[in-house]
Amino acid sequence: MAAATVDDLSAGRFILGVGSSHKVQVAAEHGVPYGKPLTRARETVDLIRRLVHDGRVRYQGETVRVENFDLWFTPLRRTMPIYLSAVFPKMVALCGEIADGIILTRSMLATAAQVRKQLAEGALRVGREPGHATVTSLLPTVVGETPPAGGRA
């Protein structure tokens, strides 16, 4: 619902980023059992796409279950780009299978060729074009009028 709202407010410029996070953060900080990150990511993307397209969803996956959810409004777009965050090879390949893009973390130029190969393997596994996924990377930044306001000492 929030993603469809922001998509509407941004006149269709919104890209939804989804990730599985990691066990320490999910279990300890959020109190949610962590398991099957690939399955959860796949089901989450599927659920979101169905909800945005149809406006209502009932979903019974292995890790994600929704009895009945209604968006309450007609979204601006019935499809929106969904990027998955990935660090390890299997999640990178899953991005190639199901995502419109990948959000890399802790990436380096040296890993670019391997990431492209893993994306292509996932894409080819489901009949998608190997280069279809946009590759992005987290780049933490702080902007301010002065160096201290921007976080620099």
Protein backbone atom coordinates (compact mmCIF):
# COMPACT_ATOMS: atom_id res chain seq x y z
CA MET A 1 0.00 0.00 0.00
CA ALA A 2 2.81 2.40 0.87
CA ALA A 3 4.68 1.58 -2.35
CA ALA A 4 1.59 2.19 -4.50
CA THR A 5 0.96 5.46 -2.64
CA VAL A 6 4.51 6.72 -3.15
CA ASP A 7 4.33 5.64 -6.79
CA ASP A 8 1.21 7.76 -7.16
CA LEU A 9 2.75 10.76 -5.35
CA SER A 10 5.89 10.53 -7.52
CA ALA A 11 3.88 10.38 -10.76
CA GLY A 12 5.09 6.85 -11.53
CA ARG A 13 8.78 7.39 -10.81
CA PHE A 14 8.90 5.02 -7.83
CA ILE A 15 11.04 1.87 -7.74
CA LEU A 16 10.39 -0.55 -4.89
CA GLY A 17 13.46 -2.08 -3.26
CA VAL A 18 13.01 -5.38 -1.41
CA GLY A 19 15.56 -7.46 0.45
CA SER A 20 15.76 -10.42 2.80
CA SER A 21 18.17 -8.69 5.21
CA HIS A 22 20.11 -11.07 7.46
CA LYS A 23 19.46 -13.26 10.48
CA VAL A 24 20.88 -10.94 13.14
CA GLN A 25 18.76 -8.02 12.05
CA VAL A 26 15.55 -9.91 11.32
CA ALA A 27 15.51 -12.20 14.35
CA ALA A 28 17.16 -10.07 17.03
CA GLU A 29 16.00 -6.60 16.01
CA HIS A 30 12.56 -7.36 14.57
CA GLY A 31 11.65 -10.50 16.51
CA VAL A 32 10.72 -12.40 13.35
CA PRO A 33 12.10 -15.90 12.68
CA TYR A 34 14.61 -15.81 9.84
CA GLY A 35 14.61 -18.60 7.32
CA LYS A 36 14.39 -19.38 3.63
CA PRO A 37 15.44 -15.93 2.38
CA LEU A 38 15.23 -16.96 -1.30
CA THR A 39 11.72 -18.34 -0.90
CA ARG A 40 10.61 -15.32 1.13
CA ALA A 41 12.02 -12.89 -1.45
CA ARG A 42 10.37 -14.77 -4.33
CA GLU A 43 7.01 -14.91 -2.55
CA THR A 44 7.19 -11.28 -1.44
CA VAL A 45 7.80 -10.04 -4.98
CA ASP A 46 5.02 -12.26 -6.31
CA LEU A 47 2.58 -11.05 -3.64
CA ILE A 48 3.40 -7.37 -4.25
CA ARG A 49 3.01 -7.73 -8.01
CA ARG A 50 -0.36 -9.45 -7.60
CA LEU A 51 -1.59 -6.85 -5.12
CA VAL A 52 -0.59 -3.86 -7.22
CA HIS A 53 -2.03 -5.44 -10.37
CA ASP A 54 -5.33 -6.70 -8.93
CA GLY A 55 -5.86 -4.34 -5.97
CA ARG A 56 -6.64 -7.30 -3.71
CA VAL A 57 -4.70 -10.39 -2.77
CA ARG A 58 -5.02 -13.69 -0.95
CA TYR A 59 -1.67 -15.44 -0.82
CA GLN A 60 -0.67 -18.79 0.66
CA GLY A 61 3.05 -19.25 0.17
CA GLU A 62 5.53 -21.28 2.13
CA THR A 63 6.88 -18.23 4.03
CA VAL A 64 4.32 -15.51 3.27
CA ARG A 65 0.62 -15.80 3.97
CA VAL A 66 -2.05 -13.14 3.53
CA GLU A 67 -5.69 -14.01 4.05
CA ASN A 68 -7.26 -11.05 2.31
CA PHE A 69 -5.69 -7.68 1.65
CA ASP A 70 -7.34 -4.85 -0.24
CA LEU A 71 -5.36 -1.88 -1.53
CA TRP A 72 -8.38 0.44 -1.01
CA PHE A 73 -7.56 2.45 -4.13
CA THR A 74 -6.63 1.98 -7.76
CA PRO A 75 -2.87 2.38 -8.15
CA LEU A 76 -1.45 4.75 -10.73
CA ARG A 77 0.34 1.85 -12.40
CA ARG A 78 -0.69 -1.79 -12.34
CA THR A 79 2.99 -2.73 -12.47
CA MET A 80 5.94 -1.03 -10.84
CA PRO A 81 9.63 -1.87 -10.99
CA ILE A 82 10.83 -4.07 -8.14
CA TYR A 83 14.53 -4.31 -7.37
CA LEU A 84 15.94 -6.97 -5.03
CA SER A 85 18.91 -6.44 -2.77
CA ALA A 86 21.52 -9.18 -3.05
CA VAL A 87 24.94 -10.05 -1.68
CA PHE A 88 25.33 -13.79 -2.26
CA PRO A 89 25.26 -15.69 -5.59
CA LYS A 90 21.90 -17.44 -5.17
CA MET A 91 20.07 -14.19 -4.39
CA VAL A 92 21.84 -12.47 -7.30
CA ALA A 93 20.60 -15.26 -9.60
CA LEU A 94 17.10 -14.87 -8.16
CA CYS A 95 17.26 -11.19 -9.10
CA GLY A 96 17.91 -12.30 -12.67
CA GLU A 97 14.85 -14.55 -12.49
CA ILE A 98 12.24 -12.27 -10.93
CA ALA A 99 13.42 -8.69 -10.41
CA ASP A 100 13.59 -5.63 -12.61
CA GLY A 101 16.86 -4.67 -10.99
CA ILE A 102 19.41 -5.55 -8.35
CA ILE A 103 20.62 -3.45 -5.44
CA LEU A 104 24.16 -4.44 -4.56
CA THR A 105 25.68 -3.86 -1.15
CA ARG A 106 29.37 -4.04 -0.33
CA SER A 107 30.12 -4.39 -4.02
CA MET A 108 33.33 -3.58 -5.87
CA LEU A 109 34.29 -3.24 -9.50
CA ALA A 110 36.10 -6.57 -9.16
CA THR A 111 32.78 -8.34 -8.49
CA ALA A 112 30.91 -6.81 -11.45
CA ALA A 113 31.69 -9.60 -13.93
CA GLN A 114 30.61 -12.30 -11.47
CA VAL A 115 27.38 -10.44 -10.65
CA ARG A 116 26.55 -10.07 -14.36
CA LYS A 117 27.17 -13.80 -14.88
CA GLN A 118 24.94 -14.77 -11.93
CA LEU A 119 22.18 -12.39 -13.09
CA ALA A 120 22.35 -13.87 -16.58
CA GLU A 121 22.18 -17.44 -15.25
CA GLY A 122 19.01 -16.62 -13.31
CA ALA A 123 17.45 -14.82 -16.25
CA LEU A 124 18.19 -17.60 -18.71
CA ARG A 125 16.78 -20.19 -16.30
CA VAL A 126 13.31 -18.62 -16.75
CA GLY A 127 13.63 -17.43 -20.36
CA ARG A 128 14.38 -13.77 -19.68
CA GLU A 129 16.95 -11.64 -21.49
CA PRO A 130 20.24 -11.82 -19.56
CA GLY A 131 20.76 -8.04 -19.52
CA HIS A 132 17.23 -7.04 -18.53
CA ALA A 133 17.96 -6.27 -14.85
CA THR A 134 19.25 -2.83 -13.96
CA VAL A 135 22.28 -2.99 -11.69
CA THR A 136 22.43 -0.46 -8.87
CA SER A 137 24.47 -0.14 -5.71
CA LEU A 138 23.88 1.40 -2.33
CA LEU A 139 25.96 4.52 -1.99
CA PRO A 140 25.42 6.05 1.44
CA THR A 141 25.70 9.83 1.26
CA VAL A 142 24.95 12.81 3.45
CA VAL A 143 24.24 16.25 2.04
CA GLY A 144 24.57 19.50 3.99
CA GLU A 145 25.38 23.18 3.54
CA THR A 146 28.64 22.75 5.47
CA PRO A 147 30.97 19.80 6.05
CA PRO A 148 29.79 19.40 9.70
CA ALA A 149 26.14 19.44 8.59
CA GLY A 150 27.00 16.82 5.99
CA GLY A 151 28.49 14.50 8.56
CA ARG A 152 32.16 15.18 7.94
CA ALA A 153 34.38 16.22 10.81
